[in-house]
C-alpha atoms as a PDB file:
ATOM      1  CA  MET A   1     -43.878-121.391 -99.717  1.00  0.00           C
ATOM      2  CA  SER A   2     -43.565-121.065-103.503  1.00  0.00           C
ATOM      3  CA  PRO A   3     -41.219-123.473-105.283  1.00  0.00           C
ATOM      4  CA  ALA A   4     -37.780-122.220-106.282  1.00  0.00           C
ATOM      5  CA  PRO A   5     -37.412-120.931-109.852  1.00  0.00           C
ATOM      6  CA  ALA A   6     -36.038-123.304-112.438  1.00  0.00           C
ATOM      7  CA  GLY A   7     -32.253-123.520-112.352  1.00  0.00           C
ATOM      8  CA  GLN A   8     -31.993-122.214-108.782  1.00  0.00           C
ATOM      9  CA  THR A   9     -30.163-124.526-106.330  1.00  0.00           C
ATOM     10  CA  THR A  10     -31.510-125.599-102.924  1.00  0.00           C
ATOM     11  CA  THR A  11     -30.380-123.524 -99.992  1.00  0.00           C
ATOM     12  CA  PRO A  12     -28.058-125.069 -97.394  1.00  0.00           C
ATOM     13  CA  MET A  13     -30.827-124.881 -94.744  1.00  0.00           C
ATOM     14  CA  THR A  14     -33.117-126.980 -96.920  1.00  0.00           C
ATOM     15  CA  ALA A  15     -30.341-129.531 -97.475  1.00  0.00           C
ATOM     16  CA  ASP A  16     -29.682-129.761 -93.728  1.00  0.00           C
ATOM     17  CA  VAL A  17     -33.347-130.334 -93.010  1.00  0.00           C
ATOM     18  CA  SER A  18     -33.445-133.079 -95.612  1.00  0.00           C
ATOM     19  CA  ARG A  19     -30.462-134.829 -94.074  1.00  0.00           C
ATOM     20  CA  GLU A  20     -32.106-134.680 -90.626  1.00  0.00           C
ATOM     21  CA  GLU A  21     -35.283-136.077 -92.030  1.00  0.00           C
ATOM     22  CA  ARG A  22     -33.396-138.896 -93.742  1.00  0.00           C
ATOM     23  CA  LEU A  23     -31.523-139.672 -90.490  1.00  0.00           C
ATOM     24  CA  LEU A  24     -34.771-139.636 -88.549  1.00  0.00           C
ATOM     25  CA  GLY A  25     -36.327-141.919 -91.158  1.00  0.00           C
ATOM     26  CA  LYS A  26     -33.423-144.360 -90.859  1.00  0.00           C
ATOM     27  CA  ILE A  27     -33.700-144.425 -87.055  1.00  0.00           C
ATOM     28  CA  THR A  28     -37.461-144.918 -87.245  1.00  0.00           C
ATOM     29  CA  GLY A  29     -37.025-147.706 -89.795  1.00  0.00           C
ATOM     30  CA  ALA A  30     -34.427-149.395 -87.598  1.00  0.00           C
ATOM     31  CA  PHE A  31     -36.771-149.363 -84.611  1.00  0.00           C
ATOM     32  CA  ARG A  32     -39.608-150.705 -86.744  1.00  0.00           C
ATOM     33  CA  ALA A  33     -37.366-153.497 -88.035  1.00  0.00           C
ATOM     34  CA  LEU A  34     -36.308-154.280 -84.466  1.00  0.00           C
ATOM     35  CA  GLY A  35     -39.949-154.373 -83.422  1.00  0.00           C
ATOM     36  CA  ARG A  36     -40.818-156.735 -86.265  1.00  0.00           C
ATOM     37  CA  ARG A  37     -37.864-158.977 -85.316  1.00  0.00           C
ATOM     38  CA  ILE A  38     -38.939-159.028 -81.675  1.00  0.00           C
ATOM     39  CA  MET A  39     -42.465-159.955 -82.668  1.00  0.00           C
ATOM     40  CA  HIS A  40     -41.063-162.615 -84.984  1.00  0.00           C
ATOM     41  CA  TRP A  41     -39.101-164.221 -82.120  1.00  0.00           C
ATOM     42  CA  TRP A  42     -41.756-163.627 -79.497  1.00  0.00           C
ATOM     43  CA  TRP A  43     -43.201-167.128 -79.794  1.00  0.00           C
ATOM     44  CA  ASN A  44     -39.743-168.641 -79.388  1.00  0.00           C
ATOM     45  CA  LEU A  45     -39.164-166.518 -76.298  1.00  0.00           C
ATOM     46  CA  ARG A  46     -42.533-167.580 -74.942  1.00  0.00           C
ATOM     47  CA  PHE A  47     -41.579-171.237 -75.318  1.00  0.00           C
ATOM     48  CA  LEU A  48     -38.299-170.538 -73.515  1.00  0.00           C
ATOM     49  CA  PHE A  49     -40.247-168.983 -70.638  1.00  0.00           C
ATOM     50  CA  PHE A  50     -42.549-172.008 -70.660  1.00  0.00           C
ATOM     51  CA  ALA A  51     -39.536-174.344 -70.426  1.00  0.00           C
ATOM     52  CA  VAL A  52     -38.301-172.446 -67.368  1.00  0.00           C
ATOM     53  CA  PHE A  53     -41.817-172.731 -65.921  1.00  0.00           C
ATOM     54  CA  LEU A  54     -41.738-176.528 -66.409  1.00  0.00           C
ATOM     55  CA  LEU A  55     -38.345-176.731 -64.702  1.00  0.00           C
ATOM     56  CA  LEU A  56     -39.598-174.748 -61.704  1.00  0.00           C
ATOM     57  CA  SER A  57     -42.726-176.919 -61.577  1.00  0.00           C
ATOM     58  CA  VAL A  58     -40.577-180.056 -61.347  1.00  0.00           C
ATOM     59  CA  VAL A  59     -38.531-178.506 -58.523  1.00  0.00           C
ATOM     60  CA  LEU A  60     -41.729-177.558 -56.674  1.00  0.00           C
ATOM     61  CA  PHE A  61     -43.064-181.110 -57.104  1.00  0.00           C
ATOM     62  CA  TRP A  62     -39.997-182.691 -55.518  1.00  0.00           C
ATOM     63  CA  LEU A  63     -40.027-180.114 -52.734  1.00  0.00           C
ATOM     64  CA  TRP A  64     -43.620-181.137 -52.063  1.00  0.00           C
ATOM     65  CA  VAL A  65     -42.584-184.803 -51.906  1.00  0.00           C
ATOM     66  CA  VAL A  66     -39.811-183.960 -49.441  1.00  0.00           C
ATOM     67  CA  SER A  67     -42.178-181.883 -47.282  1.00  0.00           C
ATOM     68  CA  LEU A  68     -44.676-184.752 -47.165  1.00  0.00           C
ATOM     69  CA  ALA A  69     -41.953-187.236 -46.226  1.00  0.00           C
ATOM     70  CA  LEU A  70     -40.706-184.899 -43.492  1.00  0.00           C
ATOM     71  CA  ALA A  71     -44.228-184.516 -42.096  1.00  0.00           C
ATOM     72  CA  VAL A  72     -44.624-188.308 -41.865  1.00  0.00           C
ATOM     73  CA  LEU A  73     -41.161-188.660 -40.347  1.00  0.00           C
ATOM     74  CA  ARG A  74     -41.884-185.940 -37.789  1.00  0.00           C
ATOM     75  CA  THR A  75     -45.068-187.720 -36.677  1.00  0.00           C
ATOM     76  CA  VAL A  76     -43.327-191.085 -36.338  1.00  0.00           C
ATOM     77  CA  LEU A  77     -40.400-189.587 -34.418  1.00  0.00           C
ATOM     78  CA  HIS A  78     -42.785-187.817 -32.046  1.00  0.00           C
ATOM     79  CA  LEU A  79     -44.416-191.115 -31.089  1.00  0.00           C
ATOM     80  CA  LEU A  80     -41.058-192.863 -30.869  1.00  0.00           C
ATOM     81  CA  ALA A  81     -39.699-190.125 -28.628  1.00  0.00           C
ATOM     82  CA  ALA A  82     -42.533-190.706 -26.135  1.00  0.00           C
ATOM     83  CA  VAL A  83     -41.644-194.406 -25.866  1.00  0.00           C
ATOM     84  CA  LEU A  84     -37.899-193.765 -25.644  1.00  0.00           C
ATOM     85  CA  ALA A  85     -38.474-191.150 -22.949  1.00  0.00           C
ATOM     86  CA  TRP A  86     -40.175-193.817 -20.872  1.00  0.00           C
ATOM     87  CA  PHE A  87     -37.327-196.278 -21.416  1.00  0.00           C
ATOM     88  CA  GLY A  88     -34.875-193.526 -20.509  1.00  0.00           C
ATOM     89  CA  GLY A  89     -36.542-192.894 -17.140  1.00  0.00           C
ATOM     90  CA  LYS A  90     -38.260-189.619 -17.946  1.00  0.00           C
ATOM     91  CA  GLY A  91     -41.240-189.193 -15.665  1.00  0.00           C
ATOM     92  CA  PRO A  92     -43.205-186.405 -14.010  1.00  0.00           C
ATOM     93  CA  HIS A  93     -41.395-183.474 -12.453  1.00  0.00           C
ATOM     94  CA  GLY A  94     -39.580-184.580  -9.316  1.00  0.00           C
ATOM     95  CA  HIS A  95     -39.664-188.286 -10.254  1.00  0.00           C
ATOM     96  CA  HIS A  96     -36.423-190.221  -9.893  1.00  0.00           C
ATOM     97  CA  GLY A  97     -35.529-193.621 -11.290  1.00  0.00           C
ATOM     98  CA  PRO A  98     -36.846-195.543 -14.286  1.00  0.00           C
ATOM     99  CA  GLY A  99     -40.226-194.714 -15.740  1.00  0.00           C
ATOM    100  CA  THR A 100     -43.273-196.764 -14.877  1.00  0.00           C
ATOM    101  CA  LEU A 101     -46.055-198.139 -17.043  1.00  0.00           C
ATOM    102  CA  ALA A 102     -48.222-195.312 -15.767  1.00  0.00           C
ATOM    103  CA  HIS A 103     -45.697-192.833 -17.154  1.00  0.00           C
ATOM    104  CA  LEU A 104     -45.727-194.600 -20.521  1.00  0.00           C
ATOM    105  CA  ARG A 105     -49.514-194.589 -20.645  1.00  0.00           C
ATOM    106  CA  ALA A 106     -49.540-190.902 -19.763  1.00  0.00           C
ATOM    107  CA  ALA A 107     -47.034-190.134 -22.529  1.00  0.00           C
ATOM    108  CA  LEU A 108     -49.041-192.105 -25.091  1.00  0.00           C
ATOM    109  CA  ARG A 109     -52.280-190.425 -23.977  1.00  0.00           C
ATOM    110  CA  SER A 110     -50.585-187.056 -24.416  1.00  0.00           C
ATOM    111  CA  ALA A 111     -49.514-188.033 -27.933  1.00  0.00           C
ATOM    112  CA  TRP A 112     -53.063-189.243 -28.672  1.00  0.00           C
ATOM    113  CA  ARG A 113     -54.532-185.942 -27.491  1.00  0.00           C
ATOM    114  CA  GLU A 114     -52.259-184.177 -29.969  1.00  0.00           C
ATOM    115  CA  ARG A 115     -53.350-186.384 -32.860  1.00  0.00           C
ATOM    116  CA  MET A 116     -55.368-183.633 -34.540  1.00  0.00           C
ATOM    117  CA  GLY A 117     -52.243-181.517 -34.790  1.00  0.00           C
ATOM    118  CA  HIS A 118     -50.432-184.426 -36.430  1.00  0.00           C
ATOM    119  CA  TYR A 119     -53.362-184.961 -38.805  1.00  0.00           C
ATOM    120  CA  ARG A 120     -53.192-181.315 -39.827  1.00  0.00           C
ATOM    121  CA  GLU A 121     -49.436-181.535 -40.408  1.00  0.00           C
ATOM    122  CA  LEU A 122     -49.976-184.507 -42.709  1.00  0.00           C
ATOM    123  CA  ALA A 123     -53.120-183.158 -44.364  1.00  0.00           C
ATOM    124  CA  ARG A 124     -51.698-179.775 -45.340  1.00  0.00           C
ATOM    125  CA  PRO A 125     -49.047-181.048 -47.802  1.00  0.00           C
ATOM    126  CA  VAL A 126     -51.486-183.646 -49.172  1.00  0.00           C
ATOM    127  CA  ALA A 127     -54.134-180.969 -49.737  1.00  0.00           C
ATOM    128  CA  ARG A 128     -51.629-178.604 -51.365  1.00  0.00           C
ATOM    129  CA  GLY A 129     -50.505-181.372 -53.682  1.00  0.00           C
ATOM    130  CA  TYR A 130     -54.086-182.275 -54.602  1.00  0.00           C
ATOM    131  CA  VAL A 131     -54.974-178.668 -55.423  1.00  0.00           C
ATOM    132  CA  ALA A 132     -51.771-178.202 -57.447  1.00  0.00           C
ATOM    133  CA  VAL A 133     -52.368-181.377 -59.486  1.00  0.00           C
ATOM    134  CA  ARG A 134     -56.017-180.464 -60.103  1.00  0.00           C
ATOM    135  CA  ASP A 135     -55.113-176.981 -61.314  1.00  0.00           C
ATOM    136  CA  ALA A 136     -52.313-178.402 -63.477  1.00  0.00           C
ATOM    137  CA  PHE A 137     -54.730-180.777 -65.243  1.00  0.00           C
ATOM    138  CA  VAL A 138     -57.151-177.928 -65.911  1.00  0.00           C
ATOM    139  CA  GLU A 139     -54.393-175.760 -67.387  1.00  0.00           C
ATOM    140  CA  PHE A 140     -52.947-178.679 -69.365  1.00  0.00           C
ATOM    141  CA  TRP A 141     -56.030-178.997 -71.578  1.00  0.00           C
ATOM    142  CA  ARG A 142     -55.855-175.295 -72.457  1.00  0.00           C
ATOM    143  CA  TRP A 143     -52.308-175.463 -73.809  1.00  0.00           C
ATOM    144  CA  SER A 144     -51.377-175.835 -77.455  1.00  0.00           C
ATOM    145  CA  PRO A 145     -50.242-179.273 -78.715  1.00  0.00           C
ATOM    146  CA  GLY A 146     -46.560-178.255 -78.628  1.00  0.00           C
ATOM    147  CA  TYR A 147     -46.823-177.170 -75.010  1.00  0.00           C
ATOM    148  CA  LYS A 148     -48.619-180.399 -74.112  1.00  0.00           C
ATOM    149  CA  VAL A 149     -45.852-182.497 -75.678  1.00  0.00           C
ATOM    150  CA  ALA A 150     -43.180-180.484 -73.832  1.00  0.00           C
ATOM    151  CA  ALA A 151     -45.050-180.950 -70.538  1.00  0.00           C
ATOM    152  CA  LEU A 152     -45.373-184.719 -71.057  1.00  0.00           C
ATOM    153  CA  VAL A 153     -41.701-185.108 -71.989  1.00  0.00           C
ATOM    154  CA  SER A 154     -40.505-183.083 -68.989  1.00  0.00           C
ATOM    155  CA  THR A 155     -42.829-185.023 -66.667  1.00  0.00           C
ATOM    156  CA  PHE A 156     -41.441-188.325 -67.901  1.00  0.00           C
ATOM    157  CA  ALA A 157     -37.797-187.209 -67.798  1.00  0.00           C
ATOM    158  CA  PHE A 158     -37.815-185.390 -64.454  1.00  0.00           C
ATOM    159  CA  VAL A 159     -40.628-187.054 -62.497  1.00  0.00           C
ATOM    160  CA  VAL A 160     -41.304-190.588 -63.769  1.00  0.00           C
ATOM    161  CA  VAL A 161     -37.674-191.603 -64.345  1.00  0.00           C
ATOM    162  CA  PRO A 162     -36.332-190.288 -60.992  1.00  0.00           C
ATOM    163  CA  GLY A 163     -39.442-191.664 -59.290  1.00  0.00           C
ATOM    164  CA  SER A 164     -38.653-195.136 -60.620  1.00  0.00           C
ATOM    165  CA  TYR A 165     -35.498-195.071 -58.465  1.00  0.00           C
ATOM    166  CA  VAL A 166     -37.525-194.235 -55.349  1.00  0.00           C
ATOM    167  CA  VAL A 167     -40.742-196.286 -55.624  1.00  0.00           C
ATOM    168  CA  PRO A 168     -40.161-200.077 -55.965  1.00  0.00           C
ATOM    169  CA  ARG A 169     -42.354-202.134 -58.300  1.00  0.00           C
ATOM    170  CA  PRO A 170     -42.880-205.941 -58.414  1.00  0.00           C
ATOM    171  CA  HIS A 171     -41.634-208.387 -61.066  1.00  0.00           C
ATOM    172  CA  LEU A 172     -42.658-212.067 -61.085  1.00  0.00           C
ATOM    173  CA  VAL A 173     -39.730-213.953 -62.639  1.00  0.00           C
ATOM    174  CA  GLN A 174     -37.830-217.209 -62.885  1.00  0.00           C
ATOM    175  CA  ILE A 175     -34.119-216.817 -62.223  1.00  0.00           C
ATOM    176  CA  ILE A 176     -31.895-218.069 -65.062  1.00  0.00           C
ATOM    177  CA  ASP A 177     -28.467-217.009 -63.803  1.00  0.00           C
ATOM    178  CA  ASN A 178     -27.506-215.022 -60.715  1.00  0.00           C
ATOM    179  CA  ASN A 179     -23.819-214.399 -61.369  1.00  0.00           C
ATOM    180  CA  VAL A 180     -23.305-213.026 -64.894  1.00  0.00           C
ATOM    181  CA  LEU A 181     -20.096-211.042 -65.356  1.00  0.00           C
ATOM    182  CA  GLU A 182     -20.637-207.757 -67.198  1.00  0.00           C
ATOM    183  CA  HIS A 183     -18.216-204.844 -67.297  1.00  0.00           C
ATOM    184  CA  HIS A 184     -18.534-203.416 -70.797  1.00  0.00           C
ATOM    185  CA  ASP A 185     -20.218-200.165 -69.737  1.00  0.00           C
ATOM    186  CA  ALA A 186     -19.239-200.083 -66.098  1.00  0.00           C
ATOM    187  CA  PRO A 187     -17.503-196.832 -65.102  1.00  0.00           C
ATOM    188  CA  ASN A 188     -13.722-196.978 -64.760  1.00  0.00           C
ATOM    189  CA  GLY A 189     -13.748-200.584 -65.959  1.00  0.00           C
ATOM    190  CA  ALA A 190     -15.199-201.853 -62.656  1.00  0.00           C
ATOM    191  CA  VAL A 191     -16.616-205.368 -62.729  1.00  0.00           C
ATOM    192  CA  ARG A 192     -20.398-205.613 -62.518  1.00  0.00           C
ATOM    193  CA  TYR A 193     -22.423-208.770 -61.881  1.00  0.00           C
ATOM    194  CA  LEU A 194     -25.871-209.112 -63.407  1.00  0.00           C
ATOM    195  CA  ILE A 195     -28.839-211.383 -62.705  1.00  0.00           C
ATOM    196  CA  HIS A 196     -30.740-212.839 -65.655  1.00  0.00           C
ATOM    197  CA  ALA A 197     -34.393-213.893 -65.409  1.00  0.00           C
ATOM    198  CA  VAL A 198     -37.523-214.624 -67.447  1.00  0.00           C
ATOM    199  CA  ASP A 199     -40.712-212.650 -66.822  1.00  0.00           C
ATOM    200  CA  LEU A 200     -43.605-214.976 -65.959  1.00  0.00           C
ATOM    201  CA  ASN A 201     -46.261-212.356 -66.712  1.00  0.00           C
ATOM    202  CA  ASN A 202     -44.833-211.725 -70.200  1.00  0.00           C
ATOM    203  CA  PRO A 203     -43.848-215.095 -71.684  1.00  0.00           C
ATOM    204  CA  GLY A 204     -40.708-214.872 -73.763  1.00  0.00           C
ATOM    205  CA  LYS A 205     -39.557-211.591 -72.207  1.00  0.00           C
ATOM    206  CA  SER A 206     -36.128-211.750 -70.592  1.00  0.00           C
ATOM    207  CA  ARG A 207     -34.968-209.372 -67.888  1.00  0.00           C
ATOM    208  CA  GLU A 208     -31.582-208.296 -66.615  1.00  0.00           C
ATOM    209  CA  TYR A 209     -30.988-206.870 -63.154  1.00  0.00           C
ATOM    210  CA  GLN A 210     -28.111-205.472 -61.195  1.00  0.00           C
ATOM    211  CA  ASN A 211     -27.610-206.074 -57.493  1.00  0.00           C
ATOM    212  CA  GLU A 212     -26.267-202.953 -55.801  1.00  0.00           C
ATOM    213  CA  ARG A 213     -26.777-201.084 -52.560  1.00  0.00           C
ATOM    214  CA  ALA A 214     -29.823-198.830 -52.199  1.00  0.00           C
ATOM    215  CA  VAL A 215     -29.368-197.290 -48.767  1.00  0.00           C
ATOM    216  CA  HIS A 216     -32.325-194.926 -49.199  1.00  0.00           C
ATOM    217  CA  LEU A 217     -34.593-198.014 -49.347  1.00  0.00           C
ATOM    218  CA  GLY A 218     -32.807-200.001 -46.635  1.00  0.00           C
ATOM    219  CA  LYS A 219     -30.820-202.337 -48.891  1.00  0.00           C
ATOM    220  CA  ILE A 220     -27.261-202.537 -47.516  1.00  0.00           C
ATOM    221  CA  ASP A 221     -26.323-206.199 -48.149  1.00  0.00           C
ATOM    222  CA  PRO A 222     -26.404-207.040 -51.883  1.00  0.00           C
ATOM    223  CA  GLN A 223     -24.452-210.269 -51.416  1.00  0.00           C
ATOM    224  CA  GLY A 224     -26.939-211.522 -48.844  1.00  0.00           C
ATOM    225  CA  LEU A 225     -29.758-210.982 -51.318  1.00  0.00           C
ATOM    226  CA  LYS A 226     -27.861-212.719 -54.110  1.00  0.00           C
ATOM    227  CA  ASN A 227     -27.366-215.779 -51.892  1.00  0.00           C
ATOM    228  CA  GLN A 228     -31.157-216.123 -51.696  1.00  0.00           C
ATOM    229  CA  LEU A 229     -31.552-216.433 -55.462  1.00  0.00           C
ATOM    230  CA  VAL A 230     -31.342-219.969 -56.861  1.00  0.00           C
ATOM    231  CA  PRO A 231     -31.339-220.463 -60.654  1.00  0.00           C
ATOM    232  CA  GLY A 232     -34.485-222.223 -61.835  1.00  0.00           C
ATOM    233  CA  ARG A 233     -36.704-221.071 -58.992  1.00  0.00           C
ATOM    234  CA  PHE A 234     -39.460-218.453 -59.049  1.00  0.00           C
ATOM    235  CA  TYR A 235     -39.370-215.122 -57.224  1.00  0.00           C
ATOM    236  CA  ARG A 236     -41.299-211.939 -56.781  1.00  0.00           C
ATOM    237  CA  LEU A 237     -38.681-209.221 -57.054  1.00  0.00           C
ATOM    238  CA  TRP A 238     -39.141-205.639 -55.955  1.00  0.00           C
ATOM    239  CA  VAL A 239     -36.986-203.477 -58.186  1.00  0.00           C
ATOM    240  CA  ILE A 240     -36.163-199.835 -58.840  1.00  0.00           C
ATOM    241  CA  GLY A 241     -34.634-198.156 -61.872  1.00  0.00           C
ATOM    242  CA  LEU A 242     -35.054-198.620 -65.605  1.00  0.00           C
ATOM    243  CA  ARG A 243     -33.555-200.770 -68.320  1.00  0.00           C
ATOM    244  CA  TRP A 244     -31.732-198.545 -70.810  1.00  0.00           C
ATOM    245  CA  TYR A 245     -29.856-200.087 -73.732  1.00  0.00           C
ATOM    246  CA  TYR A 246     -27.753-197.111 -74.824  1.00  0.00           C
ATOM    247  CA  LEU A 247     -24.846-195.277 -73.262  1.00  0.00           C
ATOM    248  CA  PRO A 248     -24.899-195.259 -70.347  1.00  0.00           C
ATOM    249  CA  THR A 249     -26.319-198.795 -70.062  1.00  0.00           C
ATOM    250  CA  LEU A 250     -28.742-199.010 -67.124  1.00  0.00           C
ATOM    251  CA  PHE A 251     -30.293-202.003 -65.349  1.00  0.00           C
ATOM    252  CA  PRO A 252     -33.026-202.220 -62.699  1.00  0.00           C
ATOM    253  CA  ASN A 253     -31.735-202.829 -59.192  1.00  0.00           C
ATOM    254  CA  ILE A 254     -33.257-205.596 -57.029  1.00  0.00           C
ATOM    255  CA  ILE A 255     -34.364-204.365 -53.600  1.00  0.00           C
ATOM    256  CA  SER A 256     -35.879-207.555 -52.174  1.00  0.00           C
ATOM    257  CA  ALA A 257     -36.837-211.062 -53.293  1.00  0.00           C
ATOM    258  CA  THR A 258     -39.519-213.493 -52.114  1.00  0.00           C
ATOM    259  CA  GLU A 259     -39.545-217.089 -53.333  1.00  0.00           C
ATOM    260  CA  VAL A 260     -42.914-218.064 -54.809  1.00  0.00           C
ATOM    261  CA  ASP A 261     -44.443-220.796 -56.921  1.00  0.00           C
ATOM    262  CA  GLN A 262     -45.082-220.429 -60.638  1.00  0.00           C
ATOM    263  CA  ASN A 263     -48.413-218.704 -59.945  1.00  0.00           C
ATOM    264  CA  GLY A 264     -46.843-216.096 -57.663  1.00  0.00           C
ATOM    265  CA  THR A 265     -48.012-217.564 -54.330  1.00  0.00           C
ATOM    266  CA  PRO A 266     -45.353-217.189 -51.615  1.00  0.00           C
ATOM    267  CA  LEU A 267     -43.943-220.506 -50.388  1.00  0.00           C
ATOM    268  CA  ASP A 268     -44.463-221.425 -46.737  1.00  0.00           C
ATOM    269  CA  THR A 269     -40.983-222.934 -46.528  1.00  0.00           C
ATOM    270  CA  PRO A 270     -38.708-221.348 -49.156  1.00  0.00           C
ATOM    271  CA  SER A 271     -35.835-223.630 -49.972  1.00  0.00           C
ATOM    272  CA  HIS A 272     -33.068-221.225 -51.049  1.00  0.00           C
ATOM    273  CA  LEU A 273     -31.117-224.399 -51.811  1.00  0.00           C
ATOM    274  CA  ILE A 274     -29.727-226.046 -54.927  1.00  0.00           C
ATOM    275  CA  PRO A 275     -30.990-229.663 -55.359  1.00  0.00           C
ATOM    276  CA  PRO A 276     -28.700-232.049 -53.417  1.00  0.00           C
ATOM    277  CA  THR A 277     -26.120-234.289 -55.091  1.00  0.00           C
ATOM    278  CA  THR A 278     -24.097-237.325 -54.014  1.00  0.00           C
ATOM    279  CA  THR A 279     -22.459-238.255 -57.313  1.00  0.00           C
ATOM    280  CA  GLY A 280     -21.278-234.878 -58.541  1.00  0.00           C
ATOM    281  CA  THR A 281     -24.340-234.514 -60.787  1.00  0.00           C
ATOM    282  CA  PRO A 282     -27.333-232.563 -59.426  1.00  0.00           C
ATOM    283  CA  GLN A 283     -30.364-234.755 -58.983  1.00  0.00           C
ATOM    284  CA  SER A 284     -33.501-233.807 -60.841  1.00  0.00           C
ATOM    285  CA  GLU A 285     -35.829-231.668 -58.823  1.00  0.00           C
ATOM    286  CA  PRO A 286     -39.574-232.373 -58.844  1.00  0.00           C
ATOM    287  CA  ALA A 287     -41.529-229.827 -60.842  1.00  0.00           C
ATOM    288  CA  LEU A 288     -43.402-227.212 -58.883  1.00  0.00           C
ATOM    289  CA  GLN A 289     -47.141-227.621 -58.962  1.00  0.00           C
END
């Protein structure tokens, strides 16, 4: 098509086509800009997906722990049920009256014959956990440094910290005071009593404990445990929880205590007593060897 002569205006059809082309160019440019923005934020979105993956991994880990605990509990209850059935008088079909020793032996033999089934029930969750941990370690070394840091932080926050309230750990200490009043950070202003001690494995390190119920670990009598602790004596404490100095203030909780000597050897005859007195002043107690 030859160009229009000089001085001749563009026809309306040409103007309309130009406007359509400009509109199409604007739409195309908008989509290209959107595409560039999506690509710009893609790495951030990927990290968000990775964070969700870490959260789901933590949930799967705790579900695995629960499944393993249930498998162990199921095995123990199965054996206990056989013994209780004998005590309850359950015998062979048509038998009346209390069970006999022969019935108990038969029930235990039946449970023993089924041992391979119990082994499989216990081995399956253990094997699944082993394979999952092995694969996780292999994948961990392939991640970028930022992903590795995020994985370590999430593992500490959602596995190690909650696990510290489930798995007790030992502390070898000398009790300094077993009745310290502390209520500064207690919720609703409730009074809280703390136990102060010195760590024998880390000279100069002081420790503070709380003494509260932990029903999930069988501790239901905190006052009975506190009555066993005598200031000045040495103990091996089994504790759960962490010491946290900022709001909220947290203290480890004592689960059990065993009186020992300064080297950590349990005493054959724990005293649990304060040195006797007849004059109102405690008599000096001989030093522990």
